[in-house]
């Protein structure tokens, strides 16, 4: 995305997102590790939403950023995990909410 190749970035990010879903099915590790995966998946979905928006796919971007918000909210509210993980999710959640507002304002 640094070189403004949002189409290329979109393909790579969507591939990464699908791998999170596969990894979750096979994960037998700790709850905290699982929540780190959810946080990472939410952050990846947020980047996908930005790439979708930059390639003119605003309706898809809106749906994807809402999915990111769901993932990040789940992590942020889980008081059984390390506060640093929750804080990172909270920062990403704030960014996601800002992006959602901007996307809605352009429709």
PDB file of N, CA and C in Angstrom:
ATOM      1  N   UNK A   1       0.816  -1.179   0.000  1.00  0.00           N
ATOM      2  CA  UNK A   1       0.000   0.000   0.000  1.00  0.00           C
ATOM      3  C   UNK A   1       0.868   1.255   0.000  1.00  0.00           C
ATOM      4  N   UNK A   2       2.122   1.094   0.356  1.00  0.00           N
ATOM      5  CA  UNK A   2       3.010   2.260   0.370  1.00  0.00           C
ATOM      6  C   UNK A   2       3.211   2.830  -1.023  1.00  0.00           C
ATOM      7  N   UNK A   3       3.238   1.990  -2.027  1.00  0.00           N
ATOM      8  CA  UNK A   3       3.445   2.454  -3.391  1.00  0.00           C
ATOM      9  C   UNK A   3       2.136   2.756  -4.098  1.00  0.00           C
ATOM     10  N   UNK A   4       1.077   2.928  -3.334  1.00  0.00           N
ATOM     11  CA  UNK A   4      -0.265   3.187  -3.865  1.00  0.00           C
ATOM     12  C   UNK A   4      -0.773   2.063  -4.761  1.00  0.00           C
ATOM     13  N   UNK A   5      -0.276   0.852  -4.552  1.00  0.00           N
ATOM     14  CA  UNK A   5      -0.776  -0.312  -5.284  1.00  0.00           C
ATOM     15  C   UNK A   5      -1.845  -0.989  -4.426  1.00  0.00           C
ATOM     16  N   UNK A   6      -3.000  -0.351  -4.352  1.00  0.00           N
ATOM     17  CA  UNK A   6      -4.059  -0.853  -3.484  1.00  0.00           C
ATOM     18  C   UNK A   6      -4.688  -2.121  -4.029  1.00  0.00           C
ATOM     19  N   UNK A   7      -4.701  -2.287  -5.333  1.00  0.00           N
ATOM     20  CA  UNK A   7      -5.247  -3.510  -5.921  1.00  0.00           C
ATOM     21  C   UNK A   7      -4.360  -4.697  -5.551  1.00  0.00           C
ATOM     22  N   UNK A   8      -3.057  -4.538  -5.690  1.00  0.00           N
ATOM     23  CA  UNK A   8      -2.131  -5.605  -5.314  1.00  0.00           C
ATOM     24  C   UNK A   8      -2.163  -5.886  -3.825  1.00  0.00           C
ATOM     25  N   UNK A   9      -2.227  -4.820  -3.031  1.00  0.00           N
ATOM     26  CA  UNK A   9      -2.297  -4.984  -1.579  1.00  0.00           C
ATOM     27  C   UNK A   9      -3.573  -5.696  -1.177  1.00  0.00           C
ATOM     28  N   UNK A  10      -4.662  -5.384  -1.835  1.00  0.00           N
ATOM     29  CA  UNK A  10      -5.943  -5.993  -1.521  1.00  0.00           C
ATOM     30  C   UNK A  10      -5.880  -7.513  -1.663  1.00  0.00           C
ATOM     31  N   UNK A  11      -5.294  -7.985  -2.723  1.00  0.00           N
ATOM     32  CA  UNK A  11      -5.181  -9.432  -2.936  1.00  0.00           C
ATOM     33  C   UNK A  11      -4.359 -10.092  -1.835  1.00  0.00           C
ATOM     34  N   UNK A  12      -3.242  -9.483  -1.479  1.00  0.00           N
ATOM     35  CA  UNK A  12      -2.392 -10.047  -0.424  1.00  0.00           C
ATOM     36  C   UNK A  12      -3.075 -10.019   0.937  1.00  0.00           C
ATOM     37  N   UNK A  13      -3.769  -8.933   1.244  1.00  0.00           N
ATOM     38  CA  UNK A  13      -4.450  -8.813   2.529  1.00  0.00           C
ATOM     39  C   UNK A  13      -5.611  -9.793   2.643  1.00  0.00           C
ATOM     40  N   UNK A  14      -6.343  -9.977   1.546  1.00  0.00           N
ATOM     41  CA  UNK A  14      -7.449 -10.940   1.572  1.00  0.00           C
ATOM     42  C   UNK A  14      -6.922 -12.363   1.755  1.00  0.00           C
ATOM     43  N   UNK A  15      -5.783 -12.652   1.177  1.00  0.00           N
ATOM     44  CA  UNK A  15      -5.159 -13.965   1.372  1.00  0.00           C
ATOM     45  C   UNK A  15      -4.764 -14.148   2.838  1.00  0.00           C
ATOM     46  N   UNK A  16      -4.181 -13.119   3.434  1.00  0.00           N
ATOM     47  CA  UNK A  16      -3.804 -13.186   4.853  1.00  0.00           C
ATOM     48  C   UNK A  16      -5.030 -13.374   5.725  1.00  0.00           C
ATOM     49  N   UNK A  17      -6.110 -12.670   5.414  1.00  0.00           N
ATOM     50  CA  UNK A  17      -7.341 -12.776   6.190  1.00  0.00           C
ATOM     51  C   UNK A  17      -7.886 -14.201   6.152  1.00  0.00           C
ATOM     52  N   UNK A  18      -7.840 -14.835   5.004  1.00  0.00           N
ATOM     53  CA  UNK A  18      -8.351 -16.210   4.902  1.00  0.00           C
ATOM     54  C   UNK A  18      -7.493 -17.174   5.718  1.00  0.00           C
ATOM     55  N   UNK A  19      -6.215 -16.868   5.841  1.00  0.00           N
ATOM     56  CA  UNK A  19      -5.337 -17.733   6.632  1.00  0.00           C
ATOM     57  C   UNK A  19      -5.636 -17.628   8.122  1.00  0.00           C
ATOM     58  N   UNK A  20      -6.083 -16.459   8.587  1.00  0.00           N
ATOM     59  CA  UNK A  20      -6.479 -16.330   9.996  1.00  0.00           C
ATOM     60  C   UNK A  20      -7.653 -17.254  10.290  1.00  0.00           C
ATOM     61  N   UNK A  21      -8.608 -17.288   9.388  1.00  0.00           N
ATOM     62  CA  UNK A  21      -9.781 -18.141   9.588  1.00  0.00           C
ATOM     63  C   UNK A  21      -9.376 -19.614   9.637  1.00  0.00           C
ATOM     64  N   UNK A  22      -8.465 -20.017   8.766  1.00  0.00           N
ATOM     65  CA  UNK A  22      -7.993 -21.405   8.766  1.00  0.00           C
ATOM     66  C   UNK A  22      -7.221 -21.709  10.045  1.00  0.00           C
ATOM     67  N   UNK A  23      -6.376 -20.789  10.469  1.00  0.00           N
ATOM     68  CA  UNK A  23      -5.570 -21.002  11.672  1.00  0.00           C
ATOM     69  C   UNK A  23      -6.455 -21.121  12.908  1.00  0.00           C
ATOM     70  N   UNK A  24      -7.531 -20.361  12.943  1.00  0.00           N
ATOM     71  CA  UNK A  24      -8.431 -20.402  14.099  1.00  0.00           C
ATOM     72  C   UNK A  24      -9.063 -21.787  14.243  1.00  0.00           C
ATOM     73  N   UNK A  25      -9.370 -22.426  13.135  1.00  0.00           N
ATOM     74  CA  UNK A  25      -9.976 -23.761  13.176  1.00  0.00           C
ATOM     75  C   UNK A  25      -9.045 -24.788  13.807  1.00  0.00           C
ATOM     76  N   UNK A  26      -7.748 -24.597  13.631  1.00  0.00           N
ATOM     77  CA  UNK A  26      -6.776 -25.573  14.123  1.00  0.00           C
ATOM     78  C   UNK A  26      -6.108 -25.162  15.426  1.00  0.00           C
ATOM     79  N   UNK A  27      -6.433 -23.985  15.918  1.00  0.00           N
ATOM     80  CA  UNK A  27      -5.781 -23.467  17.114  1.00  0.00           C
ATOM     81  C   UNK A  27      -6.276 -24.191  18.362  1.00  0.00           C
ATOM     82  N   UNK A  28      -5.334 -24.750  19.098  1.00  0.00           N
ATOM     83  CA  UNK A  28      -5.660 -25.387  20.379  1.00  0.00           C
ATOM     84  C   UNK A  28      -4.878 -24.718  21.496  1.00  0.00           C
ATOM     85  N   UNK A  29      -4.261 -23.589  21.176  1.00  0.00           N
ATOM     86  CA  UNK A  29      -3.439 -22.877  22.147  1.00  0.00           C
ATOM     87  C   UNK A  29      -4.313 -22.115  23.130  1.00  0.00           C
ATOM     88  N   UNK A  30      -3.688 -21.285  23.889  1.00  0.00           N
ATOM     89  CA  UNK A  30      -4.353 -20.536  24.946  1.00  0.00           C
ATOM     90  C   UNK A  30      -5.391 -19.553  24.410  1.00  0.00           C
ATOM     91  N   UNK A  31      -6.265 -19.169  25.303  1.00  0.00           N
ATOM     92  CA  UNK A  31      -7.285 -18.175  24.976  1.00  0.00           C
ATOM     93  C   UNK A  31      -6.626 -16.855  24.563  1.00  0.00           C
ATOM     94  N   UNK A  32      -5.579 -16.459  25.286  1.00  0.00           N
ATOM     95  CA  UNK A  32      -4.906 -15.197  24.975  1.00  0.00           C
ATOM     96  C   UNK A  32      -4.313 -15.222  23.563  1.00  0.00           C
ATOM     97  N   UNK A  33      -3.718 -16.345  23.190  1.00  0.00           N
ATOM     98  CA  UNK A  33      -3.172 -16.460  21.838  1.00  0.00           C
ATOM     99  C   UNK A  33      -4.290 -16.330  20.807  1.00  0.00           C
ATOM    100  N   UNK A  34      -5.412 -16.950  21.079  1.00  0.00           N
ATOM    101  CA  UNK A  34      -6.564 -16.857  20.182  1.00  0.00           C
ATOM    102  C   UNK A  34      -7.033 -15.410  20.041  1.00  0.00           C
ATOM    103  N   UNK A  35      -7.020 -14.665  21.137  1.00  0.00           N
ATOM    104  CA  UNK A  35      -7.457 -13.276  21.084  1.00  0.00           C
ATOM    105  C   UNK A  35      -6.447 -12.404  20.323  1.00  0.00           C
ATOM    106  N   UNK A  36      -5.177 -12.755  20.409  1.00  0.00           N
ATOM    107  CA  UNK A  36      -4.167 -12.050  19.607  1.00  0.00           C
ATOM    108  C   UNK A  36      -4.447 -12.280  18.124  1.00  0.00           C
ATOM    109  N   UNK A  37      -4.824 -13.490  17.780  1.00  0.00           N
ATOM    110  CA  UNK A  37      -5.175 -13.794  16.385  1.00  0.00           C
ATOM    111  C   UNK A  37      -6.391 -12.975  15.943  1.00  0.00           C
ATOM    112  N   UNK A  38      -7.391 -12.862  16.818  1.00  0.00           N
ATOM    113  CA  UNK A  38      -8.577 -12.059  16.486  1.00  0.00           C
ATOM    114  C   UNK A  38      -8.197 -10.590  16.296  1.00  0.00           C
ATOM    115  N   UNK A  39      -7.305 -10.088  17.136  1.00  0.00           N
ATOM    116  CA  UNK A  39      -6.849  -8.701  17.010  1.00  0.00           C
ATOM    117  C   UNK A  39      -6.137  -8.508  15.668  1.00  0.00           C
ATOM    118  N   UNK A  40      -5.257  -9.434  15.346  1.00  0.00           N
ATOM    119  CA  UNK A  40      -4.524  -9.343  14.080  1.00  0.00           C
ATOM    120  C   UNK A  40      -5.475  -9.433  12.894  1.00  0.00           C
ATOM    121  N   UNK A  41      -6.471 -10.299  13.008  1.00  0.00           N
ATOM    122  CA  UNK A  41      -7.433 -10.426  11.918  1.00  0.00           C
ATOM    123  C   UNK A  41      -8.240  -9.131  11.773  1.00  0.00           C
ATOM    124  N   UNK A  42      -8.630  -8.540  12.886  1.00  0.00           N
ATOM    125  CA  UNK A  42      -9.347  -7.269  12.827  1.00  0.00           C
ATOM    126  C   UNK A  42      -8.509  -6.180  12.188  1.00  0.00           C
ATOM    127  N   UNK A  43      -7.233  -6.136  12.534  1.00  0.00           N
ATOM    128  CA  UNK A  43      -6.338  -5.140  11.949  1.00  0.00           C
ATOM    129  C   UNK A  43      -6.144  -5.383  10.455  1.00  0.00           C
ATOM    130  N   UNK A  44      -6.076  -6.643  10.065  1.00  0.00           N
ATOM    131  CA  UNK A  44      -5.954  -6.974   8.641  1.00  0.00           C
ATOM    132  C   UNK A  44      -7.213  -6.565   7.896  1.00  0.00           C
ATOM    133  N   UNK A  45      -8.370  -6.838   8.483  1.00  0.00           N
ATOM    134  CA  UNK A  45      -9.630  -6.432   7.851  1.00  0.00           C
ATOM    135  C   UNK A  45      -9.703  -4.918   7.693  1.00  0.00           C
ATOM    136  N   UNK A  46      -9.159  -4.195   8.651  1.00  0.00           N
ATOM    137  CA  UNK A  46      -9.141  -2.741   8.554  1.00  0.00           C
ATOM    138  C   UNK A  46      -8.304  -2.290   7.360  1.00  0.00           C
ATOM    139  N   UNK A  47      -7.156  -2.923   7.160  1.00  0.00           N
ATOM    140  CA  UNK A  47      -6.323  -2.585   5.996  1.00  0.00           C
ATOM    141  C   UNK A  47      -7.027  -2.973   4.695  1.00  0.00           C
ATOM    142  N   UNK A  48      -7.742  -4.096   4.713  1.00  0.00           N
ATOM    143  CA  UNK A  48      -8.514  -4.498   3.533  1.00  0.00           C
ATOM    144  C   UNK A  48      -9.565  -3.442   3.224  1.00  0.00           C
ATOM    145  N   UNK A  49     -10.233  -2.949   4.251  1.00  0.00           N
ATOM    146  CA  UNK A  49     -11.265  -1.926   4.053  1.00  0.00           C
ATOM    147  C   UNK A  49     -10.680  -0.675   3.404  1.00  0.00           C
ATOM    148  N   UNK A  50      -9.495  -0.265   3.853  1.00  0.00           N
ATOM    149  CA  UNK A  50      -8.849   0.909   3.264  1.00  0.00           C
ATOM    150  C   UNK A  50      -8.529   0.645   1.793  1.00  0.00           C
ATOM    151  N   UNK A  51      -7.990  -0.529   1.502  1.00  0.00           N
ATOM    152  CA  UNK A  51      -7.654  -0.866   0.114  1.00  0.00           C
ATOM    153  C   UNK A  51      -8.918  -0.918  -0.746  1.00  0.00           C
ATOM    154  N   UNK A  52      -9.989  -1.479  -0.207  1.00  0.00           N
ATOM    155  CA  UNK A  52     -11.258  -1.527  -0.955  1.00  0.00           C
ATOM    156  C   UNK A  52     -11.759  -0.118  -1.243  1.00  0.00           C
ATOM    157  N   UNK A  53     -11.694   0.734  -0.246  1.00  0.00           N
ATOM    158  CA  UNK A  53     -12.155   2.113  -0.437  1.00  0.00           C
ATOM    159  C   UNK A  53     -11.315   2.838  -1.482  1.00  0.00           C
ATOM    160  N   UNK A  54     -10.006   2.623  -1.426  1.00  0.00           N
ATOM    161  CA  UNK A  54      -9.109   3.301  -2.367  1.00  0.00           C
ATOM    162  C   UNK A  54      -9.260   2.778  -3.793  1.00  0.00           C
ATOM    163  N   UNK A  55      -9.837   1.580  -3.952  1.00  0.00           N
ATOM    164  CA  UNK A  55     -10.069   1.038  -5.292  1.00  0.00           C
ATOM    165  C   UNK A  55     -11.523   1.234  -5.728  1.00  0.00           C
ATOM    166  N   UNK A  56     -12.251   2.089  -5.006  1.00  0.00           N
ATOM    167  CA  UNK A  56     -13.603   2.450  -5.407  1.00  0.00           C
ATOM    168  C   UNK A  56     -14.688   1.483  -4.987  1.00  0.00           C
ATOM    169  N   UNK A  57     -14.392   0.588  -4.071  1.00  0.00           N
ATOM    170  CA  UNK A  57     -15.371  -0.419  -3.637  1.00  0.00           C
ATOM    171  C   UNK A  57     -15.901  -0.064  -2.242  1.00  0.00           C
ATOM    172  N   UNK A  58     -16.529   1.097  -2.153  1.00  0.00           N
ATOM    173  CA  UNK A  58     -16.974   1.611  -0.852  1.00  0.00           C
ATOM    174  C   UNK A  58     -17.970   0.705  -0.146  1.00  0.00           C
ATOM    175  N   UNK A  59     -18.978   0.140  -0.813  1.00  0.00           N
ATOM    176  CA  UNK A  59     -19.905  -0.742  -0.088  1.00  0.00           C
ATOM    177  C   UNK A  59     -19.195  -1.945   0.550  1.00  0.00           C
ATOM    178  N   UNK A  60     -18.257  -2.526  -0.180  1.00  0.00           N
ATOM    179  CA  UNK A  60     -17.486  -3.645   0.369  1.00  0.00           C
ATOM    180  C   UNK A  60     -16.587  -3.170   1.511  1.00  0.00           C
ATOM    181  N   UNK A  61     -16.036  -1.975   1.368  1.00  0.00           N
ATOM    182  CA  UNK A  61     -15.182  -1.408   2.417  1.00  0.00           C
ATOM    183  C   UNK A  61     -15.971  -1.200   3.699  1.00  0.00           C
ATOM    184  N   UNK A  62     -17.195  -0.702   3.575  1.00  0.00           N
ATOM    185  CA  UNK A  62     -18.049  -0.502   4.753  1.00  0.00           C
ATOM    186  C   UNK A  62     -18.307  -1.814   5.479  1.00  0.00           C
ATOM    187  N   UNK A  63     -18.645  -2.837   4.723  1.00  0.00           N
ATOM    188  CA  UNK A  63     -18.909  -4.154   5.325  1.00  0.00           C
ATOM    189  C   UNK A  63     -17.662  -4.681   6.020  1.00  0.00           C
ATOM    190  N   UNK A  64     -16.531  -4.526   5.390  1.00  0.00           N
ATOM    191  CA  UNK A  64     -15.275  -5.049   5.934  1.00  0.00           C
ATOM    192  C   UNK A  64     -14.841  -4.286   7.181  1.00  0.00           C
ATOM    193  N   UNK A  65     -15.005  -2.972   7.188  1.00  0.00           N
ATOM    194  CA  UNK A  65     -14.619  -2.208   8.375  1.00  0.00           C
ATOM    195  C   UNK A  65     -15.559  -2.542   9.541  1.00  0.00           C
ATOM    196  N   UNK A  66     -16.806  -2.840   9.255  1.00  0.00           N
ATOM    197  CA  UNK A  66     -17.730  -3.259  10.316  1.00  0.00           C
ATOM    198  C   UNK A  66     -17.308  -4.615  10.894  1.00  0.00           C
ATOM    199  N   UNK A  67     -16.814  -5.505  10.039  1.00  0.00           N
ATOM    200  CA  UNK A  67     -16.288  -6.792  10.516  1.00  0.00           C
ATOM    201  C   UNK A  67     -15.049  -6.562  11.389  1.00  0.00           C
ATOM    202  N   UNK A  68     -14.202  -5.631  10.975  1.00  0.00           N
ATOM    203  CA  UNK A  68     -13.007  -5.305  11.766  1.00  0.00           C
ATOM    204  C   UNK A  68     -13.405  -4.768  13.134  1.00  0.00           C
ATOM    205  N   UNK A  69     -14.395  -3.912  13.155  1.00  0.00           N
ATOM    206  CA  UNK A  69     -14.869  -3.344  14.418  1.00  0.00           C
ATOM    207  C   UNK A  69     -15.376  -4.443  15.342  1.00  0.00           C
ATOM    208  N   UNK A  70     -16.076  -5.406  14.794  1.00  0.00           N
ATOM    209  CA  UNK A  70     -16.571  -6.524  15.599  1.00  0.00           C
ATOM    210  C   UNK A  70     -15.425  -7.317  16.222  1.00  0.00           C
ATOM    211  N   UNK A  71     -14.425  -7.643  15.415  1.00  0.00           N
ATOM    212  CA  UNK A  71     -13.266  -8.397  15.906  1.00  0.00           C
ATOM    213  C   UNK A  71     -12.522  -7.614  16.989  1.00  0.00           C
ATOM    214  N   UNK A  72     -12.264  -6.345  16.709  1.00  0.00           N
ATOM    215  CA  UNK A  72     -11.480  -5.519  17.630  1.00  0.00           C
ATOM    216  C   UNK A  72     -12.242  -5.236  18.923  1.00  0.00           C
ATOM    217  N   UNK A  73     -13.541  -5.066  18.825  1.00  0.00           N
ATOM    218  CA  UNK A  73     -14.362  -4.848  20.025  1.00  0.00           C
ATOM    219  C   UNK A  73     -14.321  -6.064  20.934  1.00  0.00           C
ATOM    220  N   UNK A  74     -14.376  -7.216  20.318  1.00  0.00           N
ATOM    221  CA  UNK A  74     -14.322  -8.476  21.072  1.00  0.00           C
ATOM    222  C   UNK A  74     -13.033  -8.558  21.890  1.00  0.00           C
ATOM    223  N   UNK A  75     -11.920  -8.206  21.261  1.00  0.00           N
ATOM    224  CA  UNK A  75     -10.623  -8.268  21.944  1.00  0.00           C
ATOM    225  C   UNK A  75     -10.537  -7.185  23.022  1.00  0.00           C
ATOM    226  N   UNK A  76     -10.958  -5.976  22.675  1.00  0.00           N
ATOM    227  CA  UNK A  76     -10.872  -4.850  23.612  1.00  0.00           C
ATOM    228  C   UNK A  76     -11.651  -5.126  24.895  1.00  0.00           C
ATOM    229  N   UNK A  77     -12.764  -5.823  24.790  1.00  0.00           N
ATOM    230  CA  UNK A  77     -13.621  -6.026  25.953  1.00  0.00           C
ATOM    231  C   UNK A  77     -13.273  -7.270  26.772  1.00  0.00           C
ATOM    232  N   UNK A  78     -12.305  -8.051  26.327  1.00  0.00           N
ATOM    233  CA  UNK A  78     -11.947  -9.289  27.032  1.00  0.00           C
ATOM    234  C   UNK A  78     -10.964  -8.988  28.164  1.00  0.00           C
ATOM    235  N   UNK A  79     -11.487  -8.913  29.364  1.00  0.00           N
ATOM    236  CA  UNK A  79     -10.651  -8.545  30.516  1.00  0.00           C
ATOM    237  C   UNK A  79      -9.778  -9.684  31.031  1.00  0.00           C
ATOM    238  N   UNK A  80      -9.862 -10.848  30.411  1.00  0.00           N
ATOM    239  CA  UNK A  80      -9.027 -11.973  30.850  1.00  0.00           C
ATOM    240  C   UNK A  80      -7.668 -11.983  30.175  1.00  0.00           C
ATOM    241  N   UNK A  81      -7.471 -11.088  29.204  1.00  0.00           N
ATOM    242  CA  UNK A  81      -6.199 -11.071  28.480  1.00  0.00           C
ATOM    243  C   UNK A  81      -5.361  -9.869  28.906  1.00  0.00           C
ATOM    244  N   UNK A  82      -4.110  -9.889  28.525  1.00  0.00           N
ATOM    245  CA  UNK A  82      -3.142  -8.850  28.857  1.00  0.00           C
ATOM    246  C   UNK A  82      -3.648  -7.471  28.426  1.00  0.00           C
ATOM    247  N   UNK A  83      -3.463  -6.493  29.298  1.00  0.00           N
ATOM    248  CA  UNK A  83      -3.936  -5.136  29.030  1.00  0.00           C
ATOM    249  C   UNK A  83      -3.282  -4.544  27.779  1.00  0.00           C
ATOM    250  N   UNK A  84      -2.053  -4.899  27.483  1.00  0.00           N
ATOM    251  CA  UNK A  84      -1.379  -4.396  26.288  1.00  0.00           C
ATOM    252  C   UNK A  84      -2.075  -4.843  25.008  1.00  0.00           C
ATOM    253  N   UNK A  85      -2.570  -6.065  25.016  1.00  0.00           N
ATOM    254  CA  UNK A  85      -3.302  -6.579  23.851  1.00  0.00           C
ATOM    255  C   UNK A  85      -4.611  -5.812  23.702  1.00  0.00           C
ATOM    256  N   UNK A  86      -5.302  -5.607  24.820  1.00  0.00           N
ATOM    257  CA  UNK A  86      -6.567  -4.863  24.790  1.00  0.00           C
ATOM    258  C   UNK A  86      -6.343  -3.419  24.346  1.00  0.00           C
ATOM    259  N   UNK A  87      -5.266  -2.801  24.833  1.00  0.00           N
ATOM    260  CA  UNK A  87      -4.971  -1.419  24.453  1.00  0.00           C
ATOM    261  C   UNK A  87      -4.677  -1.289  22.961  1.00  0.00           C
ATOM    262  N   UNK A  88      -3.940  -2.261  22.415  1.00  0.00           N
ATOM    263  CA  UNK A  88      -3.639  -2.243  20.983  1.00  0.00           C
ATOM    264  C   UNK A  88      -4.933  -2.398  20.181  1.00  0.00           C
ATOM    265  N   UNK A  89      -5.798  -3.291  20.632  1.00  0.00           N
ATOM    266  CA  UNK A  89      -7.090  -3.467  19.965  1.00  0.00           C
ATOM    267  C   UNK A  89      -7.914  -2.182  20.052  1.00  0.00           C
ATOM    268  N   UNK A  90      -7.856  -1.501  21.197  1.00  0.00           N
ATOM    269  CA  UNK A  90      -8.608  -0.257  21.375  1.00  0.00           C
ATOM    270  C   UNK A  90      -8.123   0.826  20.411  1.00  0.00           C
ATOM    271  N   UNK A  91      -6.814   0.919  20.221  1.00  0.00           N
ATOM    272  CA  UNK A  91      -6.264   1.912  19.275  1.00  0.00           C
ATOM    273  C   UNK A  91      -6.735   1.599  17.851  1.00  0.00           C
ATOM    274  N   UNK A  92      -6.669   0.334  17.484  1.00  0.00           N
ATOM    275  CA  UNK A  92      -7.115  -0.053  16.140  1.00  0.00           C
ATOM    276  C   UNK A  92      -8.620   0.149  15.991  1.00  0.00           C
ATOM    277  N   UNK A  93      -9.357  -0.104  17.057  1.00  0.00           N
ATOM    278  CA  UNK A  93     -10.800   0.101  17.036  1.00  0.00           C
ATOM    279  C   UNK A  93     -11.136   1.570  16.806  1.00  0.00           C
ATOM    280  N   UNK A  94     -10.396   2.446  17.444  1.00  0.00           N
ATOM    281  CA  UNK A  94     -10.609   3.875  17.263  1.00  0.00           C
ATOM    282  C   UNK A  94     -10.351   4.270  15.798  1.00  0.00           C
ATOM    283  N   UNK A  95      -9.286   3.723  15.226  1.00  0.00           N
ATOM    284  CA  UNK A  95      -8.995   3.998  13.813  1.00  0.00           C
ATOM    285  C   UNK A  95     -10.121   3.466  12.929  1.00  0.00           C
ATOM    286  N   UNK A  96     -10.598   2.276  13.244  1.00  0.00           N
ATOM    287  CA  UNK A  96     -11.673   1.671  12.446  1.00  0.00           C
ATOM    288  C   UNK A  96     -12.934   2.520  12.505  1.00  0.00           C
ATOM    289  N   UNK A  97     -13.271   3.036  13.668  1.00  0.00           N
ATOM    290  CA  UNK A  97     -14.465   3.860  13.802  1.00  0.00           C
ATOM    291  C   UNK A  97     -14.316   5.168  13.027  1.00  0.00           C
ATOM    292  N   UNK A  98     -13.116   5.714  13.007  1.00  0.00           N
ATOM    293  CA  UNK A  98     -12.859   6.924  12.225  1.00  0.00           C
ATOM    294  C   UNK A  98     -13.029   6.634  10.737  1.00  0.00           C
ATOM    295  N   UNK A  99     -12.470   5.527  10.294  1.00  0.00           N
ATOM    296  CA  UNK A  99     -12.585   5.150   8.878  1.00  0.00           C
ATOM    297  C   UNK A  99     -14.036   4.896   8.511  1.00  0.00           C
ATOM    298  N   UNK A 100     -14.774   4.234   9.392  1.00  0.00           N
ATOM    299  CA  UNK A 100     -16.190   3.975   9.138  1.00  0.00           C
ATOM    300  C   UNK A 100     -16.953   5.294   8.969  1.00  0.00           C
ATOM    301  N   UNK A 101     -16.695   6.243   9.835  1.00  0.00           N
ATOM    302  CA  UNK A 101     -17.358   7.550   9.733  1.00  0.00           C
ATOM    303  C   UNK A 101     -17.035   8.232   8.406  1.00  0.00           C
ATOM    304  N   UNK A 102     -15.779   8.173   8.020  1.00  0.00           N
ATOM    305  CA  UNK A 102     -15.382   8.811   6.751  1.00  0.00           C
ATOM    306  C   UNK A 102     -16.036   8.127   5.547  1.00  0.00           C
ATOM    307  N   UNK A 103     -16.069   6.794   5.597  1.00  0.00           N
ATOM    308  CA  UNK A 103     -16.697   6.068   4.484  1.00  0.00           C
ATOM    309  C   UNK A 103     -18.194   6.388   4.390  1.00  0.00           C
ATOM    310  N   UNK A 104     -18.837   6.446   5.529  1.00  0.00           N
ATOM    311  CA  UNK A 104     -20.284   6.752   5.519  1.00  0.00           C
ATOM    312  C   UNK A 104     -20.547   8.160   5.029  1.00  0.00           C
ATOM    313  N   UNK A 105     -19.636   9.072   5.317  1.00  0.00           N
ATOM    314  CA  UNK A 105     -19.838  10.466   4.888  1.00  0.00           C
ATOM    315  C   UNK A 105     -19.654  10.646   3.375  1.00  0.00           C
ATOM    316  N   UNK A 106     -18.995   9.699   2.728  1.00  0.00           N
ATOM    317  CA  UNK A 106     -18.783   9.814   1.281  1.00  0.00           C
ATOM    318  C   UNK A 106     -19.895   9.175   0.459  1.00  0.00           C
ATOM    319  N   UNK A 107     -20.818   8.523   1.138  1.00  0.00           N
ATOM    320  CA  UNK A 107     -21.899   7.873   0.386  1.00  0.00           C
ATOM    321  C   UNK A 107     -23.018   8.832   0.101  1.00  0.00           C
TER     322      UNK A 107
END
